[in-house]
Protein backbone atom coordinates (compact mmCIF):
# COMPACT_ATOMS: atom_id res chain seq x y z
CA UNK A 1 16.86 66.07 117.63
CA UNK A 2 18.50 69.03 115.94
CA UNK A 3 15.19 70.95 115.93
CA UNK A 4 14.71 70.28 119.65
CA UNK A 5 18.21 71.51 120.51
CA UNK A 6 17.77 74.57 118.30
CA UNK A 7 14.48 75.50 119.96
CA UNK A 8 15.99 74.98 123.41
CA UNK A 9 18.88 77.29 122.59
CA UNK A 10 16.47 79.85 121.14
CA UNK A 11 14.27 79.76 124.23
CA UNK A 12 17.29 80.20 126.52
CA UNK A 13 18.06 83.62 125.05
CA UNK A 14 16.53 86.72 126.70
CA UNK A 15 13.60 88.28 124.85
CA UNK A 16 15.50 91.57 124.57
CA UNK A 17 17.93 89.89 122.15
CA UNK A 18 15.13 89.71 119.57
CA UNK A 19 13.95 93.32 119.87
CA UNK A 20 15.08 95.90 117.32
CA UNK A 21 15.56 99.65 117.69
CA UNK A 22 16.18 101.69 114.57
CA UNK A 23 17.12 104.70 116.71
CA UNK A 24 19.77 102.75 118.62
CA UNK A 25 21.07 101.07 115.45
CA UNK A 26 21.42 104.32 113.51
CA UNK A 27 22.81 105.98 116.62
CA UNK A 28 25.64 103.44 116.63
CA UNK A 29 26.40 104.30 113.00
CA UNK A 30 26.63 107.98 113.97
CA UNK A 31 28.71 107.14 117.07
CA UNK A 32 31.29 105.25 115.02
CA UNK A 33 31.25 107.98 112.38
CA UNK A 34 32.07 110.58 115.04
CA UNK A 35 34.97 108.45 116.30
CA UNK A 36 36.31 107.95 112.76
CA UNK A 37 35.97 111.63 111.76
CA UNK A 38 37.48 112.82 115.06
CA UNK A 39 40.54 110.65 114.53
CA UNK A 40 40.85 111.93 110.97
CA UNK A 41 40.66 115.57 112.06
CA UNK A 42 43.08 114.99 114.93
CA UNK A 43 45.63 113.46 112.55
CA UNK A 44 45.34 116.35 110.11
CA UNK A 45 45.94 118.82 112.95
CA UNK A 46 48.87 117.05 114.60
CA UNK A 47 50.65 115.39 111.68
CA UNK A 48 51.90 116.66 108.34
CA UNK A 49 50.77 114.70 105.31
CA UNK A 50 53.71 112.98 103.58
CA UNK A 51 54.54 114.25 100.13
CA UNK A 52 53.47 117.81 100.88
CA UNK A 53 56.49 120.01 101.55
CA UNK A 54 59.53 118.87 103.53
CA UNK A 55 60.24 115.20 104.32
CA UNK A 56 58.59 113.92 107.49
CA UNK A 57 60.57 113.44 110.68
CA UNK A 58 60.81 109.99 112.27
CA UNK A 59 58.32 110.91 115.02
CA UNK A 60 55.78 111.94 112.38
CA UNK A 61 56.04 108.55 110.65
CA UNK A 62 55.55 106.93 114.05
CA UNK A 63 52.49 109.15 114.51
CA UNK A 64 51.04 107.99 111.20
CA UNK A 65 51.73 104.37 112.13
CA UNK A 66 49.81 104.82 115.39
CA UNK A 67 47.01 106.63 113.55
CA UNK A 68 46.76 103.78 111.02
CA UNK A 69 46.21 101.21 113.75
CA UNK A 70 43.75 103.30 115.78
CA UNK A 71 41.75 104.43 112.74
CA UNK A 72 41.71 100.91 111.29
CA UNK A 73 40.41 99.67 114.64
CA UNK A 74 37.70 102.34 114.60
CA UNK A 75 36.63 101.42 111.05
CA UNK A 76 35.78 97.93 112.23
CA UNK A 77 32.86 99.47 114.13
CA UNK A 78 31.22 100.29 110.80
CA UNK A 79 32.32 96.92 109.42
CA UNK A 80 30.51 95.13 112.26
CA UNK A 81 27.34 97.19 111.85
CA UNK A 82 27.29 96.34 108.14
CA UNK A 83 27.82 92.73 109.15
CA UNK A 84 24.67 92.97 111.29
CA UNK A 85 22.83 94.48 108.33
CA UNK A 86 23.79 91.44 106.28
CA UNK A 87 22.40 89.16 108.96
CA UNK A 88 19.19 91.15 109.30
CA UNK A 89 20.05 92.00 112.89
CA UNK A 90 20.56 95.75 112.45
CA UNK A 91 16.84 96.52 112.30
CA UNK A 92 13.53 94.89 111.42
CA UNK A 93 13.57 96.63 108.01
CA UNK A 94 15.29 94.70 105.22
CA UNK A 95 15.43 97.84 103.08
CA UNK A 96 17.14 99.85 105.82
CA UNK A 97 19.53 96.97 106.54
CA UNK A 98 20.58 96.64 102.92
CA UNK A 99 20.93 100.40 102.35
CA UNK A 100 23.08 100.94 105.45
CA UNK A 101 25.04 97.74 104.91
CA UNK A 102 25.73 98.50 101.24
CA UNK A 103 27.00 102.01 102.00
CA UNK A 104 29.19 101.05 104.97
CA UNK A 105 30.67 97.94 103.38
CA UNK A 106 31.25 99.69 100.06
CA UNK A 107 33.21 102.41 101.88
CA UNK A 108 35.46 99.63 103.21
CA UNK A 109 35.79 97.93 99.79
CA UNK A 110 33.56 95.03 100.80
CA UNK A 111 31.08 93.71 98.18
CA UNK A 112 28.05 93.79 100.48
CA UNK A 113 25.55 91.40 98.88
CA UNK A 114 28.27 89.02 97.68
CA UNK A 115 29.67 88.75 101.17
CA UNK A 116 26.16 88.52 102.63
CA UNK A 117 25.53 85.39 100.60
CA UNK A 118 28.81 83.63 101.32
CA UNK A 119 28.79 84.67 104.99
CA UNK A 120 25.26 83.32 105.35
CA UNK A 121 26.59 80.02 104.05
CA UNK A 122 29.36 80.21 106.66
CA UNK A 123 26.82 80.42 109.48
CA UNK A 124 24.47 77.83 108.04
CA UNK A 125 27.32 75.30 107.64
CA UNK A 126 29.73 76.24 110.41
CA UNK A 127 32.62 73.75 110.79
CA UNK A 128 31.38 71.57 107.93
CA UNK A 129 34.45 70.25 106.10
CA UNK A 130 32.74 70.18 102.70
CA UNK A 131 30.03 72.85 102.75
CA UNK A 132 31.52 75.28 105.28
CA UNK A 133 32.72 78.75 104.32
CA UNK A 134 35.79 80.72 105.44
CA UNK A 135 38.64 79.13 107.38
CA UNK A 136 37.76 75.63 106.25
CA UNK A 137 40.90 73.63 107.14
CA UNK A 138 42.92 72.18 104.29
CA UNK A 139 43.61 68.48 104.03
CA UNK A 140 47.15 67.14 104.13
CA UNK A 141 46.92 66.35 100.42
CA UNK A 142 45.82 69.92 99.59
CA UNK A 143 48.73 71.39 101.53
CA UNK A 144 51.16 69.03 99.83
CA UNK A 145 49.81 70.00 96.41
CA UNK A 146 50.93 73.62 96.98
CA UNK A 147 54.21 72.51 98.64
CA UNK A 148 53.41 73.84 102.10
CA UNK A 149 54.98 70.71 103.61
CA UNK A 150 58.25 71.54 101.84
CA UNK A 151 58.05 75.16 103.05
CA UNK A 152 57.46 73.99 106.61
CA UNK A 153 60.51 71.73 106.51
CA UNK A 154 62.66 74.57 105.16
CA UNK A 155 61.46 77.27 107.55
CA UNK A 156 60.82 75.36 110.74
CA UNK A 157 57.86 75.71 113.12
CA UNK A 158 58.33 79.32 114.28
CA UNK A 159 59.11 80.89 110.91
CA UNK A 160 56.31 78.89 109.27
CA UNK A 161 53.88 80.17 111.92
CA UNK A 162 55.06 83.72 111.19
CA UNK A 163 54.48 83.14 107.49
CA UNK A 164 50.91 82.05 108.25
CA UNK A 165 50.28 85.10 110.43
CA UNK A 166 51.34 87.47 107.65
CA UNK A 167 49.52 85.45 105.00
CA UNK A 168 46.23 85.35 106.91
CA UNK A 169 46.16 88.80 108.48
CA UNK A 170 47.57 90.81 105.56
CA UNK A 171 46.61 88.90 102.43
CA UNK A 172 43.84 86.61 103.66
CA UNK A 173 40.87 88.89 103.01
CA UNK A 174 41.65 89.84 99.37
CA UNK A 175 42.69 86.24 98.64
CA UNK A 176 39.30 85.07 99.90
CA UNK A 177 37.37 87.70 97.92
CA UNK A 178 39.21 87.04 94.66
CA UNK A 179 40.12 83.35 94.85
CA UNK A 180 37.94 81.75 97.55
CA UNK A 181 41.05 80.81 99.54
CA UNK A 182 39.91 79.10 102.80
CA UNK A 183 36.41 79.05 101.27
CA UNK A 184 34.09 76.10 100.92
CA UNK A 185 34.86 73.05 98.85
CA UNK A 186 31.31 72.59 97.66
CA UNK A 187 28.22 74.65 96.87
CA UNK A 188 24.81 73.01 96.44
CA UNK A 189 26.51 69.68 95.92
CA UNK A 190 28.86 71.06 93.25
CA UNK A 191 32.62 71.07 93.81
CA UNK A 192 34.19 74.52 93.67
CA UNK A 193 37.56 75.44 92.22
CA UNK A 194 39.60 75.26 95.42
CA UNK A 195 42.32 76.31 95.74
CA UNK A 196 43.47 78.40 92.75
CA UNK A 197 43.44 77.78 89.71
CA UNK A 198 40.08 79.21 88.89
CA UNK A 199 38.87 82.74 89.56
CA UNK A 200 36.22 81.95 92.15
CA UNK A 201 35.55 85.53 93.14
CA UNK A 202 32.99 87.74 94.90
CA UNK A 203 32.77 90.39 92.16
CA UNK A 204 31.53 88.87 88.91
CA UNK A 205 27.75 88.32 88.65
CA UNK A 206 28.42 84.98 86.93
CA UNK A 207 30.88 83.73 89.58
CA UNK A 208 30.18 80.11 90.47
CA UNK A 209 29.86 81.12 94.12
CA UNK A 210 26.39 82.57 93.55
CA UNK A 211 23.05 81.42 92.11
CA UNK A 212 21.89 83.07 88.90
CA UNK A 213 19.07 84.99 90.57
CA UNK A 214 21.65 86.85 92.72
CA UNK A 215 23.43 88.35 89.71
CA UNK A 216 21.87 91.83 90.06
CA UNK A 217 22.82 92.00 93.72
CA UNK A 218 26.37 90.87 92.97
CA UNK A 219 26.63 93.59 90.30
CA UNK A 220 25.36 96.18 92.80
CA UNK A 221 27.98 95.01 95.30
CA UNK A 222 30.75 95.45 92.75
CA UNK A 223 29.37 98.86 91.78
CA UNK A 224 29.63 100.01 95.41
CA UNK A 225 33.28 98.96 95.59
CA UNK A 226 33.98 100.62 92.22
CA UNK A 227 32.46 103.92 93.40
CA UNK A 228 34.73 103.91 96.45
CA UNK A 229 37.78 103.16 94.29
CA UNK A 230 36.87 106.05 91.99
CA UNK A 231 36.57 108.30 95.04
CA UNK A 232 40.00 107.22 96.24
CA UNK A 233 41.48 107.83 92.77
CA UNK A 234 40.01 111.35 92.79
CA UNK A 235 41.41 111.96 96.29
CA UNK A 236 44.85 110.78 95.16
CA UNK A 237 44.80 113.19 92.21
CA UNK A 238 43.62 116.07 94.40
CA UNK A 239 45.69 115.51 97.55
CA UNK A 240 48.41 113.06 96.50
CA UNK A 241 48.79 109.34 96.66
CA UNK A 242 50.65 109.45 99.98
CA UNK A 243 47.76 111.29 101.60
CA UNK A 244 45.40 108.49 100.54
CA UNK A 245 47.96 105.95 101.72
CA UNK A 246 48.17 107.25 105.28
CA UNK A 247 44.54 108.33 105.68
CA UNK A 248 42.81 105.36 104.06
CA UNK A 249 44.90 102.47 102.78
CA UNK A 250 47.00 101.78 105.90
CA UNK A 251 43.95 101.97 108.23
CA UNK A 252 42.14 99.74 105.71
CA UNK A 253 44.87 97.10 106.13
CA UNK A 254 44.46 97.24 109.91
CA UNK A 255 40.70 96.85 109.51
CA UNK A 256 41.32 93.74 107.43
CA UNK A 257 43.69 92.54 110.16
CA UNK A 258 40.91 92.77 112.76
CA UNK A 259 38.38 91.10 110.49
CA UNK A 260 40.62 88.09 109.82
CA UNK A 261 41.78 87.93 113.44
CA UNK A 262 38.22 87.66 114.74
CA UNK A 263 37.19 84.98 112.26
CA UNK A 264 40.42 83.03 112.73
CA UNK A 265 40.25 83.02 116.53
CA UNK A 266 36.53 82.34 116.66
CA UNK A 267 36.83 79.16 114.62
CA UNK A 268 40.35 77.84 115.20
CA UNK A 269 41.64 75.84 118.14
CA UNK A 270 43.22 72.38 118.47
CA UNK A 271 40.21 71.27 120.54
CA UNK A 272 37.55 72.44 118.06
CA UNK A 273 36.34 69.71 115.70
CA UNK A 274 35.32 70.01 112.06
CA UNK A 275 32.74 67.54 110.80
CA UNK A 276 32.19 65.55 107.64
CA UNK A 277 28.89 64.80 105.92
CA UNK A 278 27.85 62.00 108.29
CA UNK A 279 28.65 63.72 111.60
CA UNK A 280 27.82 67.40 111.03
CA UNK A 281 24.66 69.01 112.37
CA UNK A 282 23.83 72.70 112.52
CA UNK A 283 23.86 72.73 116.34
CA UNK A 284 27.24 70.98 116.53
CA UNK A 285 28.75 73.49 114.13
CA UNK A 286 27.15 76.55 115.70
CA UNK A 287 28.41 75.59 119.16
CA UNK A 288 31.99 75.36 117.85
CA UNK A 289 32.49 79.14 118.05
CA UNK A 290 34.95 80.50 120.61
CA UNK A 291 34.23 83.80 122.39
CA UNK A 292 37.16 85.82 123.69
CA UNK A 293 37.53 89.20 125.47
CA UNK A 294 39.28 92.01 123.57
CA UNK A 295 39.31 94.80 126.14
CA UNK A 296 38.39 98.27 124.84
CA UNK A 297 38.03 96.84 121.34
CA UNK A 298 34.86 95.03 122.51
CA UNK A 299 33.26 98.48 122.86
CA UNK A 300 34.70 99.73 119.58
CA UNK A 301 33.65 96.60 117.70
CA UNK A 302 30.23 96.05 119.26
CA UNK A 303 31.36 92.88 121.08
CA UNK A 304 31.66 90.83 117.90
CA UNK A 305 34.49 88.80 119.45
């Protein structure tokens, strides 16, 4: 039955959805690069970099805050294209996909191959309570074990919701990469260390998240992130830490905000079910994704929402 439904869904999609264009794909990389570089140049022309010369005026800090949001929103364009590379949807060349995806994701401190593996698991087991990946809901017992029930009683509904917003949108991405927070409970039938304790991370080649034969790719992913960090360290020594803060780190936080917002809203709603071993099928899980409009950001982010 699952195969019949899957084929029916496949056949309902227009043929153009399965056609690749390397020119269009690479053109989108260039388009986003022009947007990102234009915003960077505009900021350097209109705003003084903090730490160089006199203290900044209040309006200049406001300008940097606006720049951080807009630039972080623009960076998600590259994030999404690298996401498509990981899925094999960027082009019909696996080599081109992996080269472009590795470069773009590394620039955004994303371990490309590591994320490719875990994200593939997310799509193959969407809304599976045991084998799913990213934003797998916690059980009542798991929340009680980390005293979230006590925190809720102390803070109340509104403040607790605010705590979750900050936790997910600011800290959620690094917590997932380093500790598998909101990650799957099980991999290939083996229970994972969820939640912490246990460093269940996306950076070590011997992390329990990945099969042994992926170790070289995991190492290459970590190398890409390390190269970017070295570049940022050099920039901080050459131009000052505050320059790196306003030009890269604050936009990076906004990019993470968008990433977590999309995943959270696409897979979270009181009406959306999550399934156990007996009830889950691939079609059920795949159809539990919620599309939403995001205005101009749909254009900027290649309609990923």
